[in-house]
Amino acid sequence: MHLLFLGLLAVIVFGPQRLPEIGRSIGNSMREFKDSVSGVTDIQDAVRGVNEVRSAVTPSNLAGAFVPGVKDMQETVAATKSLVNPLAAEESAAPAAEPAPKA
């Protein structure tokens, strides 16, 4: 009974021409609110991206990029390890390609 009374009051106050427009605007505002509240997934994606960058920017990678001779030394050590133990080269190359996500 109360809802019927509120609906009749809305028709009297706003008129039948404006009620669909008001309904659309309320629906749009509710949709925008829902989208802004569900931004938690965006935050989780940002944290994952930061963790990927953090794992890629290790001191040895930075030294290899900026200090002359370090990259050559890293390649020499990797080549020497592959001569001594061919399986060790495959194991060390796999984590470098895809860093494991940290919890």
PDB file of N, CA and C in Angstrom:
ATOM      1  N   MET A   1       0.818  -1.187   0.000  1.00  0.00           N
ATOM      2  CA  MET A   1       0.000   0.000   0.000  1.00  0.00           C
ATOM      3  C   MET A   1       0.870   1.263   0.000  1.00  0.00           C
ATOM      4  N   HIS A   2       1.987   1.188   0.766  1.00  0.00           N
ATOM      5  CA  HIS A   2       2.871   2.360   0.834  1.00  0.00           C
ATOM      6  C   HIS A   2       3.533   2.641  -0.516  1.00  0.00           C
ATOM      7  N   LEU A   3       3.940   1.564  -1.199  1.00  0.00           N
ATOM      8  CA  LEU A   3       4.579   1.753  -2.503  1.00  0.00           C
ATOM      9  C   LEU A   3       3.612   2.343  -3.525  1.00  0.00           C
ATOM     10  N   LEU A   4       2.375   1.919  -3.464  1.00  0.00           N
ATOM     11  CA  LEU A   4       1.359   2.472  -4.356  1.00  0.00           C
ATOM     12  C   LEU A   4       1.158   3.960  -4.086  1.00  0.00           C
ATOM     13  N   PHE A   5       1.138   4.329  -2.827  1.00  0.00           N
ATOM     14  CA  PHE A   5       0.993   5.732  -2.456  1.00  0.00           C
ATOM     15  C   PHE A   5       2.195   6.555  -2.930  1.00  0.00           C
ATOM     16  N   LEU A   6       3.414   6.011  -2.774  1.00  0.00           N
ATOM     17  CA  LEU A   6       4.615   6.726  -3.231  1.00  0.00           C
ATOM     18  C   LEU A   6       4.633   6.867  -4.752  1.00  0.00           C
ATOM     19  N   GLY A   7       4.200   5.840  -5.469  1.00  0.00           N
ATOM     20  CA  GLY A   7       4.127   5.915  -6.923  1.00  0.00           C
ATOM     21  C   GLY A   7       3.126   6.959  -7.384  1.00  0.00           C
ATOM     22  N   LEU A   8       1.965   7.010  -6.749  1.00  0.00           N
ATOM     23  CA  LEU A   8       0.959   8.019  -7.081  1.00  0.00           C
ATOM     24  C   LEU A   8       1.469   9.419  -6.772  1.00  0.00           C
ATOM     25  N   LEU A   9       2.154   9.574  -5.655  1.00  0.00           N
ATOM     26  CA  LEU A   9       2.728  10.873  -5.292  1.00  0.00           C
ATOM     27  C   LEU A   9       3.793  11.306  -6.307  1.00  0.00           C
ATOM     28  N   ALA A  10       4.618  10.359  -6.779  1.00  0.00           N
ATOM     29  CA  ALA A  10       5.648  10.676  -7.771  1.00  0.00           C
ATOM     30  C   ALA A  10       5.018  11.112  -9.089  1.00  0.00           C
ATOM     31  N   VAL A  11       3.922  10.474  -9.501  1.00  0.00           N
ATOM     32  CA  VAL A  11       3.239  10.864 -10.736  1.00  0.00           C
ATOM     33  C   VAL A  11       2.653  12.260 -10.592  1.00  0.00           C
ATOM     34  N   ILE A  12       2.103  12.569  -9.436  1.00  0.00           N
ATOM     35  CA  ILE A  12       1.505  13.888  -9.224  1.00  0.00           C
ATOM     36  C   ILE A  12       2.585  14.965  -9.196  1.00  0.00           C
ATOM     37  N   VAL A  13       3.700  14.703  -8.501  1.00  0.00           N
ATOM     38  CA  VAL A  13       4.749  15.728  -8.344  1.00  0.00           C
ATOM     39  C   VAL A  13       5.521  15.922  -9.650  1.00  0.00           C
ATOM     40  N   PHE A  14       5.976  14.848 -10.252  1.00  0.00           N
ATOM     41  CA  PHE A  14       6.855  14.971 -11.417  1.00  0.00           C
ATOM     42  C   PHE A  14       6.119  14.889 -12.750  1.00  0.00           C
ATOM     43  N   GLY A  15       5.003  14.236 -12.776  1.00  0.00           N
ATOM     44  CA  GLY A  15       4.247  14.081 -14.026  1.00  0.00           C
ATOM     45  C   GLY A  15       4.671  12.826 -14.757  1.00  0.00           C
ATOM     46  N   PRO A  16       3.776  12.273 -15.580  1.00  0.00           N
ATOM     47  CA  PRO A  16       4.087  11.019 -16.276  1.00  0.00           C
ATOM     48  C   PRO A  16       5.157  11.177 -17.358  1.00  0.00           C
ATOM     49  N   GLN A  17       5.401  12.388 -17.831  1.00  0.00           N
ATOM     50  CA  GLN A  17       6.410  12.607 -18.877  1.00  0.00           C
ATOM     51  C   GLN A  17       7.832  12.487 -18.305  1.00  0.00           C
ATOM     52  N   ARG A  18       8.043  12.911 -17.070  1.00  0.00           N
ATOM     53  CA  ARG A  18       9.390  12.978 -16.489  1.00  0.00           C
ATOM     54  C   ARG A  18       9.794  11.700 -15.754  1.00  0.00           C
ATOM     55  N   LEU A  19       8.868  10.833 -15.404  1.00  0.00           N
ATOM     56  CA  LEU A  19       9.204   9.638 -14.621  1.00  0.00           C
ATOM     57  C   LEU A  19      10.187   8.695 -15.340  1.00  0.00           C
ATOM     58  N   PRO A  20      10.041   8.418 -16.652  1.00  0.00           N
ATOM     59  CA  PRO A  20      11.046   7.558 -17.307  1.00  0.00           C
ATOM     60  C   PRO A  20      12.448   8.174 -17.294  1.00  0.00           C
ATOM     61  N   GLU A  21      12.524   9.496 -17.470  1.00  0.00           N
ATOM     62  CA  GLU A  21      13.821  10.178 -17.436  1.00  0.00           C
ATOM     63  C   GLU A  21      14.450  10.074 -16.053  1.00  0.00           C
ATOM     64  N   ILE A  22      13.658  10.239 -15.022  1.00  0.00           N
ATOM     65  CA  ILE A  22      14.159  10.134 -13.651  1.00  0.00           C
ATOM     66  C   ILE A  22      14.618   8.709 -13.366  1.00  0.00           C
ATOM     67  N   GLY A  23      13.852   7.739 -13.839  1.00  0.00           N
ATOM     68  CA  GLY A  23      14.233   6.335 -13.660  1.00  0.00           C
ATOM     69  C   GLY A  23      15.553   6.005 -14.340  1.00  0.00           C
ATOM     70  N   ARG A  24      15.759   6.519 -15.561  1.00  0.00           N
ATOM     71  CA  ARG A  24      17.024   6.298 -16.266  1.00  0.00           C
ATOM     72  C   ARG A  24      18.184   6.931 -15.520  1.00  0.00           C
ATOM     73  N   SER A  25      17.999   8.148 -15.037  1.00  0.00           N
ATOM     74  CA  SER A  25      19.097   8.814 -14.337  1.00  0.00           C
ATOM     75  C   SER A  25      19.441   8.095 -13.032  1.00  0.00           C
ATOM     76  N   ILE A  26      18.430   7.574 -12.333  1.00  0.00           N
ATOM     77  CA  ILE A  26      18.710   6.806 -11.112  1.00  0.00           C
ATOM     78  C   ILE A  26      19.437   5.511 -11.466  1.00  0.00           C
ATOM     79  N   GLY A  27      19.031   4.857 -12.544  1.00  0.00           N
ATOM     80  CA  GLY A  27      19.708   3.629 -12.976  1.00  0.00           C
ATOM     81  C   GLY A  27      21.154   3.882 -13.369  1.00  0.00           C
ATOM     82  N   ASN A  28      21.407   4.980 -14.092  1.00  0.00           N
ATOM     83  CA  ASN A  28      22.788   5.310 -14.480  1.00  0.00           C
ATOM     84  C   ASN A  28      23.644   5.604 -13.262  1.00  0.00           C
ATOM     85  N   SER A  29      23.089   6.335 -12.301  1.00  0.00           N
ATOM     86  CA  SER A  29      23.878   6.657 -11.110  1.00  0.00           C
ATOM     87  C   SER A  29      24.162   5.404 -10.296  1.00  0.00           C
ATOM     88  N   MET A  30      23.216   4.481 -10.222  1.00  0.00           N
ATOM     89  CA  MET A  30      23.462   3.227  -9.503  1.00  0.00           C
ATOM     90  C   MET A  30      24.523   2.394 -10.214  1.00  0.00           C
ATOM     91  N   ARG A  31      24.528   2.373 -11.547  1.00  0.00           N
ATOM     92  CA  ARG A  31      25.527   1.636 -12.317  1.00  0.00           C
ATOM     93  C   ARG A  31      26.917   2.228 -12.105  1.00  0.00           C
ATOM     94  N   GLU A  32      27.025   3.555 -12.124  1.00  0.00           N
ATOM     95  CA  GLU A  32      28.316   4.203 -11.894  1.00  0.00           C
ATOM     96  C   GLU A  32      28.821   3.918 -10.485  1.00  0.00           C
ATOM     97  N   PHE A  33      27.931   3.932  -9.511  1.00  0.00           N
ATOM     98  CA  PHE A  33      28.319   3.637  -8.138  1.00  0.00           C
ATOM     99  C   PHE A  33      28.839   2.204  -8.029  1.00  0.00           C
ATOM    100  N   LYS A  34      28.143   1.277  -8.663  1.00  0.00           N
ATOM    101  CA  LYS A  34      28.563  -0.123  -8.622  1.00  0.00           C
ATOM    102  C   LYS A  34      29.935  -0.297  -9.268  1.00  0.00           C
ATOM    103  N   ASP A  35      30.168   0.377 -10.387  1.00  0.00           N
ATOM    104  CA  ASP A  35      31.461   0.285 -11.061  1.00  0.00           C
ATOM    105  C   ASP A  35      32.581   0.869 -10.216  1.00  0.00           C
ATOM    106  N   SER A  36      32.302   1.959  -9.520  1.00  0.00           N
ATOM    107  CA  SER A  36      33.344   2.563  -8.687  1.00  0.00           C
ATOM    108  C   SER A  36      33.634   1.710  -7.464  1.00  0.00           C
ATOM    109  N   VAL A  37      32.638   1.048  -6.921  1.00  0.00           N
ATOM    110  CA  VAL A  37      32.848   0.203  -5.753  1.00  0.00           C
ATOM    111  C   VAL A  37      33.583  -1.064  -6.140  1.00  0.00           C
ATOM    112  N   SER A  38      33.337  -1.594  -7.308  1.00  0.00           N
ATOM    113  CA  SER A  38      33.982  -2.836  -7.729  1.00  0.00           C
ATOM    114  C   SER A  38      35.378  -2.593  -8.284  1.00  0.00           C
ATOM    115  N   GLY A  39      36.009  -1.486  -7.970  1.00  0.00           N
ATOM    116  CA  GLY A  39      37.367  -1.190  -8.417  1.00  0.00           C
ATOM    117  C   GLY A  39      38.416  -2.013  -7.710  1.00  0.00           C
ATOM    118  N   VAL A  40      38.016  -2.954  -6.856  1.00  0.00           N
ATOM    119  CA  VAL A  40      38.959  -3.801  -6.133  1.00  0.00           C
ATOM    120  C   VAL A  40      39.793  -4.620  -7.105  1.00  0.00           C
ATOM    121  N   THR A  41      39.217  -5.080  -8.198  1.00  0.00           N
ATOM    122  CA  THR A  41      39.978  -5.868  -9.166  1.00  0.00           C
ATOM    123  C   THR A  41      41.049  -5.005  -9.832  1.00  0.00           C
ATOM    124  N   ASP A  42      40.770  -3.721 -10.025  1.00  0.00           N
ATOM    125  CA  ASP A  42      41.779  -2.835 -10.597  1.00  0.00           C
ATOM    126  C   ASP A  42      42.974  -2.710  -9.659  1.00  0.00           C
ATOM    127  N   ILE A  43      42.710  -2.650  -8.369  1.00  0.00           N
ATOM    128  CA  ILE A  43      43.788  -2.554  -7.388  1.00  0.00           C
ATOM    129  C   ILE A  43      44.608  -3.836  -7.390  1.00  0.00           C
ATOM    130  N   GLN A  44      43.948  -4.975  -7.484  1.00  0.00           N
ATOM    131  CA  GLN A  44      44.671  -6.250  -7.510  1.00  0.00           C
ATOM    132  C   GLN A  44      45.538  -6.354  -8.762  1.00  0.00           C
ATOM    133  N   ASP A  45      45.048  -5.879  -9.892  1.00  0.00           N
ATOM    134  CA  ASP A  45      45.856  -5.877 -11.113  1.00  0.00           C
ATOM    135  C   ASP A  45      47.069  -4.974 -10.962  1.00  0.00           C
ATOM    136  N   ALA A  46      46.890  -3.827 -10.320  1.00  0.00           N
ATOM    137  CA  ALA A  46      48.005  -2.908 -10.103  1.00  0.00           C
ATOM    138  C   ALA A  46      49.060  -3.535  -9.200  1.00  0.00           C
ATOM    139  N   VAL A  47      48.626  -4.241  -8.161  1.00  0.00           N
ATOM    140  CA  VAL A  47      49.573  -4.897  -7.258  1.00  0.00           C
ATOM    141  C   VAL A  47      50.336  -5.988  -7.986  1.00  0.00           C
ATOM    142  N   ARG A  48      49.647  -6.757  -8.833  1.00  0.00           N
ATOM    143  CA  ARG A  48      50.336  -7.785  -9.621  1.00  0.00           C
ATOM    144  C   ARG A  48      51.383  -7.162 -10.537  1.00  0.00           C
ATOM    145  N   GLY A  49      51.044  -6.040 -11.168  1.00  0.00           N
ATOM    146  CA  GLY A  49      51.995  -5.363 -12.040  1.00  0.00           C
ATOM    147  C   GLY A  49      53.218  -4.871 -11.288  1.00  0.00           C
ATOM    148  N   VAL A  50      53.002  -4.331 -10.098  1.00  0.00           N
ATOM    149  CA  VAL A  50      54.131  -3.865  -9.279  1.00  0.00           C
ATOM    150  C   VAL A  50      55.008  -5.040  -8.883  1.00  0.00           C
ATOM    151  N   ASN A  51      54.402  -6.160  -8.539  1.00  0.00           N
ATOM    152  CA  ASN A  51      55.195  -7.342  -8.167  1.00  0.00           C
ATOM    153  C   ASN A  51      55.999  -7.862  -9.349  1.00  0.00           C
ATOM    154  N   GLU A  52      55.441  -7.797 -10.560  1.00  0.00           N
ATOM    155  CA  GLU A  52      56.191  -8.224 -11.745  1.00  0.00           C
ATOM    156  C   GLU A  52      57.393  -7.324 -11.975  1.00  0.00           C
ATOM    157  N   VAL A  53      57.198  -6.031 -11.837  1.00  0.00           N
ATOM    158  CA  VAL A  53      58.312  -5.091 -12.019  1.00  0.00           C
ATOM    159  C   VAL A  53      59.351  -5.303 -10.931  1.00  0.00           C
ATOM    160  N   ARG A  54      58.884  -5.508  -9.706  1.00  0.00           N
ATOM    161  CA  ARG A  54      59.814  -5.709  -8.592  1.00  0.00           C
ATOM    162  C   ARG A  54      60.664  -6.954  -8.823  1.00  0.00           C
ATOM    163  N   SER A  55      60.069  -8.033  -9.321  1.00  0.00           N
ATOM    164  CA  SER A  55      60.844  -9.249  -9.548  1.00  0.00           C
ATOM    165  C   SER A  55      61.779  -9.097 -10.750  1.00  0.00           C
ATOM    166  N   ALA A  56      61.426  -8.260 -11.718  1.00  0.00           N
ATOM    167  CA  ALA A  56      62.285  -8.067 -12.887  1.00  0.00           C
ATOM    168  C   ALA A  56      63.460  -7.145 -12.583  1.00  0.00           C
ATOM    169  N   VAL A  57      63.286  -6.241 -11.644  1.00  0.00           N
ATOM    170  CA  VAL A  57      64.333  -5.275 -11.317  1.00  0.00           C
ATOM    171  C   VAL A  57      65.112  -5.794 -10.109  1.00  0.00           C
ATOM    172  N   THR A  58      65.986  -6.746 -10.368  1.00  0.00           N
ATOM    173  CA  THR A  58      66.852  -7.277  -9.322  1.00  0.00           C
ATOM    174  C   THR A  58      68.195  -6.568  -9.412  1.00  0.00           C
ATOM    175  N   PRO A  59      68.968  -6.603  -8.345  1.00  0.00           N
ATOM    176  CA  PRO A  59      70.288  -5.943  -8.400  1.00  0.00           C
ATOM    177  C   PRO A  59      71.178  -6.482  -9.514  1.00  0.00           C
ATOM    178  N   SER A  60      71.130  -7.799  -9.766  1.00  0.00           N
ATOM    179  CA  SER A  60      71.988  -8.334 -10.831  1.00  0.00           C
ATOM    180  C   SER A  60      71.526  -7.865 -12.210  1.00  0.00           C
ATOM    181  N   ASN A  61      70.213  -7.744 -12.415  1.00  0.00           N
ATOM    182  CA  ASN A  61      69.720  -7.234 -13.700  1.00  0.00           C
ATOM    183  C   ASN A  61      70.095  -5.768 -13.878  1.00  0.00           C
ATOM    184  N   LEU A  62      69.969  -4.983 -12.812  1.00  0.00           N
ATOM    185  CA  LEU A  62      70.347  -3.570 -12.905  1.00  0.00           C
ATOM    186  C   LEU A  62      71.840  -3.412 -13.151  1.00  0.00           C
ATOM    187  N   ALA A  63      72.646  -4.217 -12.451  1.00  0.00           N
ATOM    188  CA  ALA A  63      74.098  -4.132 -12.654  1.00  0.00           C
ATOM    189  C   ALA A  63      74.453  -4.522 -14.074  1.00  0.00           C
ATOM    190  N   GLY A  64      73.796  -5.546 -14.612  1.00  0.00           N
ATOM    191  CA  GLY A  64      74.077  -5.966 -15.983  1.00  0.00           C
ATOM    192  C   GLY A  64      73.690  -4.913 -16.998  1.00  0.00           C
ATOM    193  N   ALA A  65      72.696  -4.104 -16.675  1.00  0.00           N
ATOM    194  CA  ALA A  65      72.239  -3.094 -17.617  1.00  0.00           C
ATOM    195  C   ALA A  65      73.079  -1.825 -17.567  1.00  0.00           C
ATOM    196  N   PHE A  66      73.583  -1.463 -16.387  1.00  0.00           N
ATOM    197  CA  PHE A  66      74.207  -0.151 -16.248  1.00  0.00           C
ATOM    198  C   PHE A  66      75.719  -0.165 -16.027  1.00  0.00           C
ATOM    199  N   VAL A  67      76.269  -1.245 -15.514  1.00  0.00           N
ATOM    200  CA  VAL A  67      77.706  -1.289 -15.231  1.00  0.00           C
ATOM    201  C   VAL A  67      78.392  -2.021 -16.374  1.00  0.00           C
ATOM    202  N   PRO A  68      79.394  -1.379 -17.004  1.00  0.00           N
ATOM    203  CA  PRO A  68      80.065  -2.030 -18.127  1.00  0.00           C
ATOM    204  C   PRO A  68      80.810  -3.290 -17.673  1.00  0.00           C
ATOM    205  N   GLY A  69      80.683  -4.338 -18.448  1.00  0.00           N
ATOM    206  CA  GLY A  69      81.398  -5.573 -18.181  1.00  0.00           C
ATOM    207  C   GLY A  69      80.631  -6.581 -17.354  1.00  0.00           C
ATOM    208  N   VAL A  70      79.630  -6.142 -16.611  1.00  0.00           N
ATOM    209  CA  VAL A  70      78.885  -7.072 -15.754  1.00  0.00           C
ATOM    210  C   VAL A  70      78.052  -8.026 -16.598  1.00  0.00           C
ATOM    211  N   LYS A  71      77.423  -7.521 -17.639  1.00  0.00           N
ATOM    212  CA  LYS A  71      76.599  -8.381 -18.494  1.00  0.00           C
ATOM    213  C   LYS A  71      77.461  -9.451 -19.160  1.00  0.00           C
ATOM    214  N   ASP A  72      78.655  -9.064 -19.625  1.00  0.00           N
ATOM    215  CA  ASP A  72      79.564 -10.046 -20.223  1.00  0.00           C
ATOM    216  C   ASP A  72      79.963 -11.100 -19.204  1.00  0.00           C
ATOM    217  N   MET A  73      80.217 -10.675 -17.971  1.00  0.00           N
ATOM    218  CA  MET A  73      80.606 -11.610 -16.926  1.00  0.00           C
ATOM    219  C   MET A  73      79.449 -12.572 -16.605  1.00  0.00           C
ATOM    220  N   GLN A  74      78.214 -12.043 -16.575  1.00  0.00           N
ATOM    221  CA  GLN A  74      77.055 -12.894 -16.310  1.00  0.00           C
ATOM    222  C   GLN A  74      76.887 -13.935 -17.415  1.00  0.00           C
ATOM    223  N   GLU A  75      77.088 -13.529 -18.659  1.00  0.00           N
ATOM    224  CA  GLU A  75      76.976 -14.471 -19.770  1.00  0.00           C
ATOM    225  C   GLU A  75      78.081 -15.518 -19.716  1.00  0.00           C
ATOM    226  N   THR A  76      79.291 -15.114 -19.318  1.00  0.00           N
ATOM    227  CA  THR A  76      80.411 -16.052 -19.204  1.00  0.00           C
ATOM    228  C   THR A  76      80.138 -17.081 -18.113  1.00  0.00           C
ATOM    229  N   VAL A  77      79.617 -16.611 -16.980  1.00  0.00           N
ATOM    230  CA  VAL A  77      79.303 -17.529 -15.882  1.00  0.00           C
ATOM    231  C   VAL A  77      78.201 -18.493 -16.302  1.00  0.00           C
ATOM    232  N   ALA A  78      77.188 -18.014 -16.993  1.00  0.00           N
ATOM    233  CA  ALA A  78      76.105 -18.880 -17.452  1.00  0.00           C
ATOM    234  C   ALA A  78      76.619 -19.916 -18.446  1.00  0.00           C
ATOM    235  N   ALA A  79      77.510 -19.497 -19.349  1.00  0.00           N
ATOM    236  CA  ALA A  79      78.065 -20.429 -20.322  1.00  0.00           C
ATOM    237  C   ALA A  79      78.925 -21.478 -19.628  1.00  0.00           C
ATOM    238  N   THR A  80      79.701 -21.079 -18.631  1.00  0.00           N
ATOM    239  CA  THR A  80      80.543 -22.017 -17.894  1.00  0.00           C
ATOM    240  C   THR A  80      79.683 -23.020 -17.130  1.00  0.00           C
ATOM    241  N   LYS A  81      78.587 -22.545 -16.531  1.00  0.00           N
ATOM    242  CA  LYS A  81      77.685 -23.455 -15.818  1.00  0.00           C
ATOM    243  C   LYS A  81      77.065 -24.466 -16.772  1.00  0.00           C
ATOM    244  N   SER A  82      76.754 -24.035 -17.987  1.00  0.00           N
ATOM    245  CA  SER A  82      76.149 -24.961 -18.941  1.00  0.00           C
ATOM    246  C   SER A  82      77.148 -26.016 -19.417  1.00  0.00           C
ATOM    247  N   LEU A  83      78.442 -25.675 -19.442  1.00  0.00           N
ATOM    248  CA  LEU A  83      79.455 -26.659 -19.817  1.00  0.00           C
ATOM    249  C   LEU A  83      79.640 -27.701 -18.720  1.00  0.00           C
ATOM    250  N   VAL A  84      79.620 -27.230 -17.472  1.00  0.00           N
ATOM    251  CA  VAL A  84      79.836 -28.137 -16.353  1.00  0.00           C
ATOM    252  C   VAL A  84      78.614 -29.024 -16.140  1.00  0.00           C
ATOM    253  N   ASN A  85      77.420 -28.412 -16.138  1.00  0.00           N
ATOM    254  CA  ASN A  85      76.179 -29.151 -15.904  1.00  0.00           C
ATOM    255  C   ASN A  85      75.118 -28.625 -16.863  1.00  0.00           C
ATOM    256  N   PRO A  86      74.857 -29.315 -17.971  1.00  0.00           N
ATOM    257  CA  PRO A  86      73.882 -28.810 -18.957  1.00  0.00           C
ATOM    258  C   PRO A  86      72.478 -28.648 -18.386  1.00  0.00           C
ATOM    259  N   LEU A  87      72.105 -29.465 -17.411  1.00  0.00           N
ATOM    260  CA  LEU A  87      70.773 -29.329 -16.809  1.00  0.00           C
ATOM    261  C   LEU A  87      70.658 -28.061 -15.974  1.00  0.00           C
ATOM    262  N   ALA A  88      71.739 -27.588 -15.393  1.00  0.00           N
ATOM    263  CA  ALA A  88      71.707 -26.368 -14.572  1.00  0.00           C
ATOM    264  C   ALA A  88      71.403 -25.155 -15.433  1.00  0.00           C
ATOM    265  N   ALA A  89      71.865 -25.139 -16.673  1.00  0.00           N
ATOM    266  CA  ALA A  89      71.602 -24.002 -17.561  1.00  0.00           C
ATOM    267  C   ALA A  89      70.123 -23.928 -17.899  1.00  0.00           C
ATOM    268  N   GLU A  90      69.484 -25.089 -18.102  1.00  0.00           N
ATOM    269  CA  GLU A  90      68.051 -25.099 -18.406  1.00  0.00           C
ATOM    270  C   GLU A  90      67.245 -24.653 -17.199  1.00  0.00           C
ATOM    271  N   GLU A  91      67.652 -25.102 -16.010  1.00  0.00           N
ATOM    272  CA  GLU A  91      66.935 -24.723 -14.793  1.00  0.00           C
ATOM    273  C   GLU A  91      67.090 -23.240 -14.494  1.00  0.00           C
ATOM    274  N   SER A  92      68.281 -22.689 -14.722  1.00  0.00           N
ATOM    275  CA  SER A  92      68.469 -21.259 -14.437  1.00  0.00           C
ATOM    276  C   SER A  92      67.839 -20.383 -15.493  1.00  0.00           C
ATOM    277  N   ALA A  93      67.665 -20.889 -16.719  1.00  0.00           N
ATOM    278  CA  ALA A  93      67.024 -20.096 -17.771  1.00  0.00           C
ATOM    279  C   ALA A  93      65.514 -20.042 -17.592  1.00  0.00           C
ATOM    280  N   ALA A  94      64.912 -21.098 -17.053  1.00  0.00           N
ATOM    281  CA  ALA A  94      63.452 -21.135 -16.904  1.00  0.00           C
ATOM    282  C   ALA A  94      62.948 -20.085 -15.910  1.00  0.00           C
ATOM    283  N   PRO A  95      63.534 -19.925 -14.723  1.00  0.00           N
ATOM    284  CA  PRO A  95      63.013 -18.874 -13.824  1.00  0.00           C
ATOM    285  C   PRO A  95      63.269 -17.479 -14.355  1.00  0.00           C
ATOM    286  N   ALA A  96      64.314 -17.292 -15.144  1.00  0.00           N
ATOM    287  CA  ALA A  96      64.580 -15.964 -15.679  1.00  0.00           C
ATOM    288  C   ALA A  96      63.538 -15.563 -16.699  1.00  0.00           C
ATOM    289  N   ALA A  97      62.997 -16.543 -17.421  1.00  0.00           N
ATOM    290  CA  ALA A  97      61.995 -16.243 -18.443  1.00  0.00           C
ATOM    291  C   ALA A  97      60.664 -15.838 -17.811  1.00  0.00           C
ATOM    292  N   GLU A  98      60.240 -16.584 -16.772  1.00  0.00           N
ATOM    293  CA  GLU A  98      58.967 -16.277 -16.120  1.00  0.00           C
ATOM    294  C   GLU A  98      59.173 -16.300 -14.616  1.00  0.00           C
ATOM    295  N   PRO A  99      59.213 -15.152 -13.977  1.00  0.00           N
ATOM    296  CA  PRO A  99      59.379 -15.143 -12.527  1.00  0.00           C
ATOM    297  C   PRO A  99      58.129 -15.665 -11.839  1.00  0.00           C
ATOM    298  N   ALA A 100      58.332 -16.401 -10.773  1.00  0.00           N
ATOM    299  CA  ALA A 100      57.208 -16.977 -10.030  1.00  0.00           C
ATOM    300  C   ALA A 100      56.502 -15.868  -9.263  1.00  0.00           C
ATOM    301  N   PRO A 101      55.160 -15.838  -9.286  1.00  0.00           N
ATOM    302  CA  PRO A 101      54.433 -14.799  -8.542  1.00  0.00           C
ATOM    303  C   PRO A 101      54.564 -15.032  -7.042  1.00  0.00           C
ATOM    304  N   LYS A 102      54.744 -13.951  -6.306  1.00  0.00           N
ATOM    305  CA  LYS A 102      54.872 -14.032  -4.855  1.00  0.00           C
ATOM    306  C   LYS A 102      53.531 -13.770  -4.215  1.00  0.00           C
ATOM    307  N   ALA A 103      53.258 -14.503  -3.165  1.00  0.00           N
ATOM    308  CA  ALA A 103      51.960 -14.336  -2.499  1.00  0.00           C
ATOM    309  C   ALA A 103      52.006 -13.237  -1.482  1.00  0.00           C
TER     310      ALA A 103
END
